[in-house]
Protein backbone atom coordinates (compact mmCIF):
# COMPACT_ATOMS: atom_id res chain seq x y z
CA MET A 1 -82.77 56.79 35.37
CA HIS A 2 -86.52 56.38 35.70
CA SER A 3 -88.58 59.19 37.17
CA ARG A 4 -91.61 58.76 39.41
CA SER A 5 -93.87 59.34 36.41
CA ASP A 6 -92.54 56.63 34.11
CA ILE A 7 -92.19 53.60 36.36
CA SER A 8 -94.89 51.64 38.15
CA LEU A 9 -95.42 48.31 39.81
CA PRO A 10 -97.24 45.60 37.88
CA LEU A 11 -100.74 44.70 38.98
CA ARG A 12 -100.75 42.06 41.68
CA GLU A 13 -102.51 38.76 41.36
CA ARG A 14 -105.90 38.52 43.06
CA GLY A 15 -105.56 37.36 46.66
CA SER A 16 -101.97 38.60 47.04
CA LYS A 17 -100.97 39.19 50.66
CA LEU A 18 -98.09 41.53 49.92
CA VAL A 19 -98.16 44.55 52.22
CA ILE A 20 -95.08 46.31 50.82
CA GLU A 21 -93.67 46.20 47.30
CA THR A 22 -90.92 48.34 45.83
CA LEU A 23 -89.39 48.43 42.36
CA ASP A 24 -85.93 49.87 41.73
CA LEU A 25 -86.34 52.38 44.55
CA VAL A 26 -83.74 55.16 44.51
CA LYS A 27 -83.15 58.20 46.68
CA VAL A 28 -80.44 60.72 45.82
CA TYR A 29 -79.86 63.68 48.11
CA ALA A 30 -78.93 66.72 46.02
CA GLU A 31 -76.62 67.98 48.75
CA GLY A 32 -73.41 66.18 47.95
CA ASN A 33 -75.11 63.99 45.33
CA ILE A 34 -75.45 61.20 47.91
CA ARG A 35 -77.17 58.04 46.65
CA ALA A 36 -78.71 56.96 49.97
CA VAL A 37 -80.86 54.17 48.50
CA ASP A 38 -79.84 52.46 45.29
CA GLY A 39 -82.26 50.17 43.45
CA LEU A 40 -84.13 48.72 46.42
CA ASN A 41 -86.56 45.89 45.62
CA LEU A 42 -88.72 44.57 48.46
CA SER A 43 -91.70 42.22 48.72
CA ILE A 44 -92.99 41.93 52.28
CA GLN A 45 -95.88 39.67 53.23
CA GLU A 46 -98.77 40.44 55.52
CA GLY A 47 -98.02 39.41 59.11
CA GLU A 48 -94.23 39.31 58.68
CA ILE A 49 -91.59 40.75 60.95
CA TYR A 50 -89.09 42.04 58.42
CA ALA A 51 -85.77 43.55 59.56
CA LEU A 52 -83.60 45.90 57.53
CA ILE A 53 -80.14 45.39 58.99
CA GLY A 54 -77.03 47.40 58.24
CA ALA A 55 -74.44 49.80 59.56
CA ASN A 56 -75.28 53.43 60.22
CA GLY A 57 -75.57 55.26 56.91
CA SER A 58 -76.53 52.17 54.90
CA GLY A 59 -79.90 53.63 53.82
CA LYS A 60 -82.27 51.99 56.32
CA THR A 61 -83.91 55.15 57.67
CA THR A 62 -84.20 56.70 54.21
CA SER A 63 -85.94 53.51 53.05
CA ILE A 64 -88.38 53.63 55.98
CA ASN A 65 -89.13 57.29 55.31
CA MET A 66 -89.98 56.55 51.68
CA LEU A 67 -92.09 53.50 52.53
CA SER A 68 -94.11 55.49 55.07
CA GLY A 69 -94.66 58.38 52.65
CA ALA A 70 -92.58 60.87 54.64
CA LEU A 71 -89.98 61.19 51.88
CA PHE A 72 -90.40 61.28 48.10
CA PRO A 73 -88.20 58.85 46.12
CA THR A 74 -85.96 60.12 43.36
CA SER A 75 -87.14 57.26 41.18
CA GLY A 76 -88.75 53.85 41.42
CA ALA A 77 -92.15 52.73 42.66
CA ILE A 78 -93.70 51.83 46.01
CA ARG A 79 -96.95 50.12 46.91
CA VAL A 80 -98.05 49.94 50.55
CA LEU A 81 -101.24 48.09 51.56
CA GLY A 82 -102.12 47.87 47.90
CA LEU A 83 -101.81 51.59 47.12
CA GLU A 84 -99.07 53.58 45.39
CA ILE A 85 -96.92 55.77 47.65
CA PRO A 86 -96.46 58.72 47.81
CA ARG A 87 -99.51 59.35 45.60
CA HIS A 88 -101.96 57.86 48.12
CA ARG A 89 -100.08 58.67 51.33
CA ARG A 90 -103.08 60.49 52.85
CA ILE A 91 -105.15 57.33 52.54
CA ILE A 92 -102.35 55.11 53.82
CA SER A 93 -101.23 57.28 56.77
CA PRO A 94 -104.12 56.35 59.13
CA LYS A 95 -103.41 52.65 58.52
CA ILE A 96 -99.74 52.69 59.46
CA GLY A 97 -97.72 53.58 62.54
CA VAL A 98 -94.19 54.97 62.68
CA ALA A 99 -91.79 55.02 65.64
CA PRO A 100 -88.85 57.10 64.38
CA GLN A 101 -85.24 56.71 65.43
CA GLU A 102 -85.25 60.19 66.97
CA TYR A 103 -87.97 60.63 69.58
CA ALA A 104 -90.86 62.68 68.15
CA LEU A 105 -92.06 63.56 71.64
CA TYR A 106 -92.77 66.76 73.59
CA GLY A 107 -90.64 66.84 76.72
CA ASP A 108 -92.92 69.14 78.69
CA LEU A 109 -95.98 66.94 78.12
CA THR A 110 -96.70 63.79 80.09
CA ALA A 111 -96.40 60.34 78.54
CA GLU A 112 -100.19 60.15 78.24
CA GLN A 113 -100.49 63.63 76.72
CA ASN A 114 -97.93 62.76 74.05
CA VAL A 115 -99.89 59.69 73.02
CA TRP A 116 -103.16 61.68 73.08
CA PHE A 117 -101.60 64.17 70.64
CA PHE A 118 -101.06 61.35 68.11
CA ALA A 119 -104.47 59.82 68.87
CA LYS A 120 -106.14 63.10 67.89
CA LEU A 121 -104.18 63.17 64.63
CA TYR A 122 -105.60 59.73 63.85
CA GLY A 123 -109.13 60.81 64.77
CA LEU A 124 -109.62 58.66 67.88
CA SER A 125 -112.43 59.67 70.20
CA LYS A 126 -111.66 60.39 73.86
CA GLU A 127 -113.46 57.17 74.83
CA ALA A 128 -111.55 55.03 72.32
CA PHE A 129 -108.30 56.63 73.41
CA GLY A 130 -109.01 55.92 77.08
CA ARG A 131 -109.52 52.21 76.41
CA ARG A 132 -106.54 51.91 74.09
CA ILE A 133 -104.05 53.88 76.20
CA SER A 134 -104.87 51.82 79.29
CA GLU A 135 -104.26 48.63 77.32
CA LEU A 136 -101.00 49.85 75.78
CA PHE A 137 -99.51 51.31 78.94
CA LYS A 138 -100.31 48.15 80.86
CA ILE A 139 -98.57 45.99 78.24
CA LEU A 140 -95.61 48.37 77.99
CA GLY A 141 -95.23 48.71 81.76
CA MET A 142 -95.95 52.45 81.69
CA GLU A 143 -98.93 52.65 84.04
CA GLU A 144 -96.99 54.25 86.90
CA ARG A 145 -95.34 56.76 84.52
CA ARG A 146 -98.56 57.80 82.77
CA LYS A 147 -98.53 61.31 84.28
CA THR A 148 -94.74 61.79 84.18
CA ALA A 149 -93.32 64.47 81.88
CA VAL A 150 -91.40 62.84 79.04
CA ALA A 151 -88.35 64.99 79.83
CA ASN A 152 -88.06 63.11 83.12
CA LEU A 153 -88.21 59.63 81.59
CA SER A 154 -85.27 57.35 80.84
CA GLY A 155 -84.32 56.51 77.27
CA GLY A 156 -86.02 53.13 77.50
CA MET A 157 -89.23 54.70 78.84
CA LYS A 158 -89.20 57.29 76.06
CA ARG A 159 -88.89 54.45 73.56
CA ARG A 160 -91.98 52.82 75.07
CA VAL A 161 -93.93 56.06 74.75
CA SER A 162 -92.81 56.39 71.12
CA ILE A 163 -94.03 52.87 70.37
CA ALA A 164 -97.34 53.61 72.13
CA CYS A 165 -97.76 56.69 69.90
CA ALA A 166 -97.24 54.51 66.82
CA LEU A 167 -99.69 51.84 68.00
CA ILE A 168 -102.46 53.94 69.55
CA HIS A 169 -104.73 53.68 66.47
CA ASN A 170 -104.12 49.93 66.06
CA PRO A 171 -102.49 50.12 62.61
CA LYS A 172 -102.15 47.26 60.14
CA LEU A 173 -98.49 48.04 59.52
CA ILE A 174 -95.85 49.57 61.79
CA PHE A 175 -92.37 50.91 61.03
CA LEU A 176 -89.90 50.79 63.92
CA ASP A 177 -86.68 52.63 63.14
CA GLU A 178 -83.88 51.49 65.47
CA ALA A 179 -86.58 50.75 68.08
CA THR A 180 -84.39 48.57 70.30
CA VAL A 181 -81.06 50.37 69.95
CA GLY A 182 -79.77 51.88 73.19
CA VAL A 183 -82.13 49.95 75.47
CA ASP A 184 -81.00 47.42 78.05
CA PRO A 185 -80.99 43.68 77.17
CA VAL A 186 -84.00 42.88 79.35
CA LEU A 187 -86.12 45.57 77.69
CA ARG A 188 -84.93 44.45 74.25
CA VAL A 189 -86.17 40.91 74.94
CA PHE A 190 -89.49 42.33 76.14
CA PHE A 191 -89.87 44.42 72.98
CA TRP A 192 -89.33 41.40 70.76
CA GLU A 193 -91.84 39.34 72.72
CA TYR A 194 -94.32 42.17 72.24
CA PHE A 195 -93.56 42.39 68.51
CA ARG A 196 -94.26 38.67 68.23
CA ALA A 197 -97.62 39.17 69.97
CA LEU A 198 -98.49 41.96 67.52
CA LYS A 199 -97.55 39.69 64.62
CA ALA A 200 -99.79 36.94 66.04
CA ASN A 201 -102.67 39.44 65.84
CA GLY A 202 -102.00 40.05 62.15
CA MET A 203 -99.80 43.14 62.25
CA THR A 204 -96.91 43.53 59.81
CA ILE A 205 -93.74 44.93 61.40
CA ILE A 206 -90.81 46.53 59.60
CA ILE A 207 -87.88 47.14 61.92
CA THR A 208 -84.44 48.59 61.27
CA SER A 209 -81.30 48.04 63.29
CA HIS A 210 -77.53 48.19 63.04
CA VAL A 211 -77.29 45.47 65.73
CA MET A 212 -76.71 42.29 63.77
CA ASP A 213 -78.08 39.83 66.33
CA GLU A 214 -81.46 41.58 66.03
CA ALA A 215 -81.80 39.85 62.67
CA GLU A 216 -82.01 36.43 64.29
CA ARG A 217 -85.38 37.39 65.82
CA ALA A 218 -87.06 38.47 62.56
CA ASP A 219 -88.96 36.25 60.12
CA ARG A 220 -86.95 37.61 57.20
CA ILE A 221 -84.15 40.11 56.91
CA GLY A 222 -82.62 42.34 54.30
CA LEU A 223 -78.95 43.25 54.72
CA MET A 224 -78.16 46.75 53.44
CA ARG A 225 -74.83 48.32 52.59
CA ALA A 226 -74.23 51.62 50.77
CA GLY A 227 -77.92 51.91 49.88
CA LYS A 228 -78.15 48.46 48.32
CA LEU A 229 -79.83 45.26 49.47
CA ILE A 230 -76.94 42.80 49.48
CA GLU A 231 -78.71 39.75 50.98
CA GLU A 232 -82.26 38.75 51.84
CA GLY A 233 -84.08 35.77 53.29
CA THR A 234 -84.73 34.06 56.59
CA PRO A 235 -81.80 34.16 59.03
CA ALA A 236 -81.26 30.42 58.54
CA GLU A 237 -81.27 30.70 54.74
CA ILE A 238 -78.80 33.57 54.72
CA LYS A 239 -76.37 31.85 57.10
CA ARG A 240 -76.58 28.62 55.11
CA ARG A 241 -75.97 30.34 51.75
CA ASN A 242 -72.95 32.14 53.13
CA SER A 243 -71.55 29.27 55.23
CA ALA A 244 -71.69 31.42 58.34
CA SER A 245 -72.68 30.87 61.96
CA SER A 246 -74.12 34.36 62.52
CA ILE A 247 -75.63 37.26 60.59
CA GLU A 248 -72.71 39.42 61.70
CA GLU A 249 -70.32 36.96 60.06
CA VAL A 250 -72.40 37.09 56.86
CA PHE A 251 -72.31 40.88 56.82
CA LEU A 252 -68.55 40.96 57.31
CA LYS A 253 -68.02 38.43 54.52
CA LEU A 254 -70.20 40.40 52.12
CA SER A 255 -68.34 43.56 53.09
CA GLY A 256 -65.02 41.96 52.18
CA ARG A 257 -63.90 41.54 55.77
CA ASN A 258 -63.56 38.60 58.12
CA VAL A 259 -64.47 38.10 61.76
CA ALA A 260 -60.83 38.43 62.85
CA ASP A 261 -60.68 41.92 61.32
CA ALA A 262 -63.78 43.17 63.18
């Protein structure tokens, strides 16, 4: 097995628009010798919406944590925005946003105060924050809940605050871990419309989900199972290659099951 010190990504060609590259990425948790991610190879273009889809425990969150620099890989190599991770994570951190699966929010603070906490971490001035928070809360439909304590917000509202925290500094790349899971269908549609608007403005979005129909909304998807990437491409390409009518059907086929068994 390669260690972090003896494997690296090849130099990219001049003009490359790759935002994320990984080579044989592996994460093994010592407790129980669990191989959470097993040889992950990704190449994600600037301005893409890329979805990592898979069942709970397939390695999606571990992958996101390594890509964002929050977790060290056991082996393999990662380049984000042209720089090696985790070596340059301090340089990369201000350029990315992360909305984790578990809310990283303070319940006794208001929605606005939570976002201000993250804005200060990113070095935003009070004036810049005021302009940006007004814009975000208007788009996210949070204006009337601006002064509400997060503990008193619904799950969907908390998710909006979490996304606002990740976007407050206008990052080039955002990681959304299970961002639409547990929200109502209307809010889910709204989120995807918003993600498309962010993409149109040049942002790259990496989203994870265990809801298979989420994949249909992404530009490209990677299906994960047991830490491995078992399929990748546009939704149409993947369905065509596997003679399937849905991504769920593809996943079941690749898992050795059929729709009737599900």
